[in-house]
Amino acid sequence: MKYGARNKLTATVTSVKSDEIMSLVKFKVTHVDEMASVLTTESVVGMELKVGDEVELLIKAIHVLPAKA
């Protein structure tokens, strides 16, 4: 997958809290204590994100975008 963001970190999903519209996904990152991202529940379901998954966090401006291989 190609993307425009240049900053990325490898992280592990530590929690997923979802309602009908939005989800809060928290990640454990090696170089920092923890980061979080708010994304649509549809995206969380589509990516099949769950606790323990390893993802890359793509950081662009104020957004933290998880990318799962």
C-alpha atoms as a PDB file:
ATOM      1  CA  MET A   1       0.000   0.000   0.000  1.00  0.00           C
ATOM      2  CA  LYS A   2       1.326   3.463  -0.869  1.00  0.00           C
ATOM      3  CA  TYR A   3       0.490   6.563   1.157  1.00  0.00           C
ATOM      4  CA  GLY A   4       1.640  10.173   1.449  1.00  0.00           C
ATOM      5  CA  ALA A   5       2.417  10.223   5.175  1.00  0.00           C
ATOM      6  CA  ARG A   6       6.150  10.056   5.931  1.00  0.00           C
ATOM      7  CA  ASN A   7       6.025   9.527   9.703  1.00  0.00           C
ATOM      8  CA  LYS A   8       5.127   6.041  10.863  1.00  0.00           C
ATOM      9  CA  LEU A   9       5.498   3.971  14.023  1.00  0.00           C
ATOM     10  CA  THR A  10       4.930   0.271  14.657  1.00  0.00           C
ATOM     11  CA  ALA A  11       2.367  -0.254  17.410  1.00  0.00           C
ATOM     12  CA  THR A  12       0.139  -2.878  19.049  1.00  0.00           C
ATOM     13  CA  VAL A  13      -3.590  -2.377  19.576  1.00  0.00           C
ATOM     14  CA  THR A  14      -4.284  -2.323  23.338  1.00  0.00           C
ATOM     15  CA  SER A  15      -8.017  -1.542  23.388  1.00  0.00           C
ATOM     16  CA  VAL A  16     -10.986  -0.933  21.106  1.00  0.00           C
ATOM     17  CA  LYS A  17     -14.138   0.877  22.339  1.00  0.00           C
ATOM     18  CA  SER A  18     -16.934   1.162  19.774  1.00  0.00           C
ATOM     19  CA  ASP A  19     -20.444   2.506  19.473  1.00  0.00           C
ATOM     20  CA  GLU A  20     -22.634   2.602  16.366  1.00  0.00           C
ATOM     21  CA  ILE A  21     -20.757   5.454  14.680  1.00  0.00           C
ATOM     22  CA  MET A  22     -17.253   5.969  16.132  1.00  0.00           C
ATOM     23  CA  SER A  23     -14.510   3.881  17.743  1.00  0.00           C
ATOM     24  CA  LEU A  24     -11.580   4.784  20.016  1.00  0.00           C
ATOM     25  CA  VAL A  25      -8.571   2.557  19.378  1.00  0.00           C
ATOM     26  CA  LYS A  26      -5.548   2.755  21.708  1.00  0.00           C
ATOM     27  CA  PHE A  27      -2.057   1.568  20.759  1.00  0.00           C
ATOM     28  CA  LYS A  28       1.164   0.685  22.611  1.00  0.00           C
ATOM     29  CA  VAL A  29       4.079   2.289  20.771  1.00  0.00           C
ATOM     30  CA  THR A  30       7.724   1.365  21.292  1.00  0.00           C
ATOM     31  CA  HIS A  31       9.121   4.915  21.345  1.00  0.00           C
ATOM     32  CA  VAL A  32       6.317   6.602  23.290  1.00  0.00           C
ATOM     33  CA  ASP A  33       4.064   5.395  26.096  1.00  0.00           C
ATOM     34  CA  GLU A  34       0.720   5.289  24.269  1.00  0.00           C
ATOM     35  CA  MET A  35      -1.194   6.878  21.402  1.00  0.00           C
ATOM     36  CA  ALA A  36      -4.866   6.806  20.424  1.00  0.00           C
ATOM     37  CA  SER A  37      -6.939   7.316  17.297  1.00  0.00           C
ATOM     38  CA  VAL A  38     -10.632   8.026  16.833  1.00  0.00           C
ATOM     39  CA  LEU A  39     -12.050   6.491  13.667  1.00  0.00           C
ATOM     40  CA  THR A  40     -15.385   5.282  12.379  1.00  0.00           C
ATOM     41  CA  THR A  41     -16.643   1.957  13.678  1.00  0.00           C
ATOM     42  CA  GLU A  42     -17.097   0.932  10.033  1.00  0.00           C
ATOM     43  CA  SER A  43     -13.318   1.360   9.548  1.00  0.00           C
ATOM     44  CA  VAL A  44     -12.524  -0.665  12.699  1.00  0.00           C
ATOM     45  CA  VAL A  45     -14.805  -3.483  11.524  1.00  0.00           C
ATOM     46  CA  GLY A  46     -13.466  -3.300   7.960  1.00  0.00           C
ATOM     47  CA  MET A  47      -9.855  -3.546   9.158  1.00  0.00           C
ATOM     48  CA  GLU A  48     -10.813  -6.241  11.678  1.00  0.00           C
ATOM     49  CA  LEU A  49      -8.831  -4.385  14.376  1.00  0.00           C
ATOM     50  CA  LYS A  50      -8.598  -6.203  17.684  1.00  0.00           C
ATOM     51  CA  VAL A  51      -6.468  -6.098  20.808  1.00  0.00           C
ATOM     52  CA  GLY A  52      -3.026  -7.576  20.133  1.00  0.00           C
ATOM     53  CA  ASP A  53      -2.918  -6.694  16.405  1.00  0.00           C
ATOM     54  CA  GLU A  54       0.320  -5.116  15.202  1.00  0.00           C
ATOM     55  CA  VAL A  55      -0.255  -2.060  13.022  1.00  0.00           C
ATOM     56  CA  GLU A  56       1.736   0.853  11.626  1.00  0.00           C
ATOM     57  CA  LEU A  57       0.585   4.288  12.769  1.00  0.00           C
ATOM     58  CA  LEU A  58       0.789   6.808   9.952  1.00  0.00           C
ATOM     59  CA  ILE A  59       1.024  10.312  11.373  1.00  0.00           C
ATOM     60  CA  LYS A  60       0.113  13.279   9.219  1.00  0.00           C
ATOM     61  CA  ALA A  61      -0.826  16.678  10.709  1.00  0.00           C
ATOM     62  CA  ILE A  62      -3.173  15.970  13.636  1.00  0.00           C
ATOM     63  CA  HIS A  63      -4.308  12.555  12.415  1.00  0.00           C
ATOM     64  CA  VAL A  64      -3.070   9.134  13.563  1.00  0.00           C
ATOM     65  CA  LEU A  65      -4.069   6.600  10.896  1.00  0.00           C
ATOM     66  CA  PRO A  66      -3.621   2.863  11.594  1.00  0.00           C
ATOM     67  CA  ALA A  67      -2.566   0.686   8.630  1.00  0.00           C
ATOM     68  CA  LYS A  68      -2.902  -3.084   8.919  1.00  0.00           C
ATOM     69  CA  ALA A  69      -1.115  -5.320   6.397  1.00  0.00           C
END
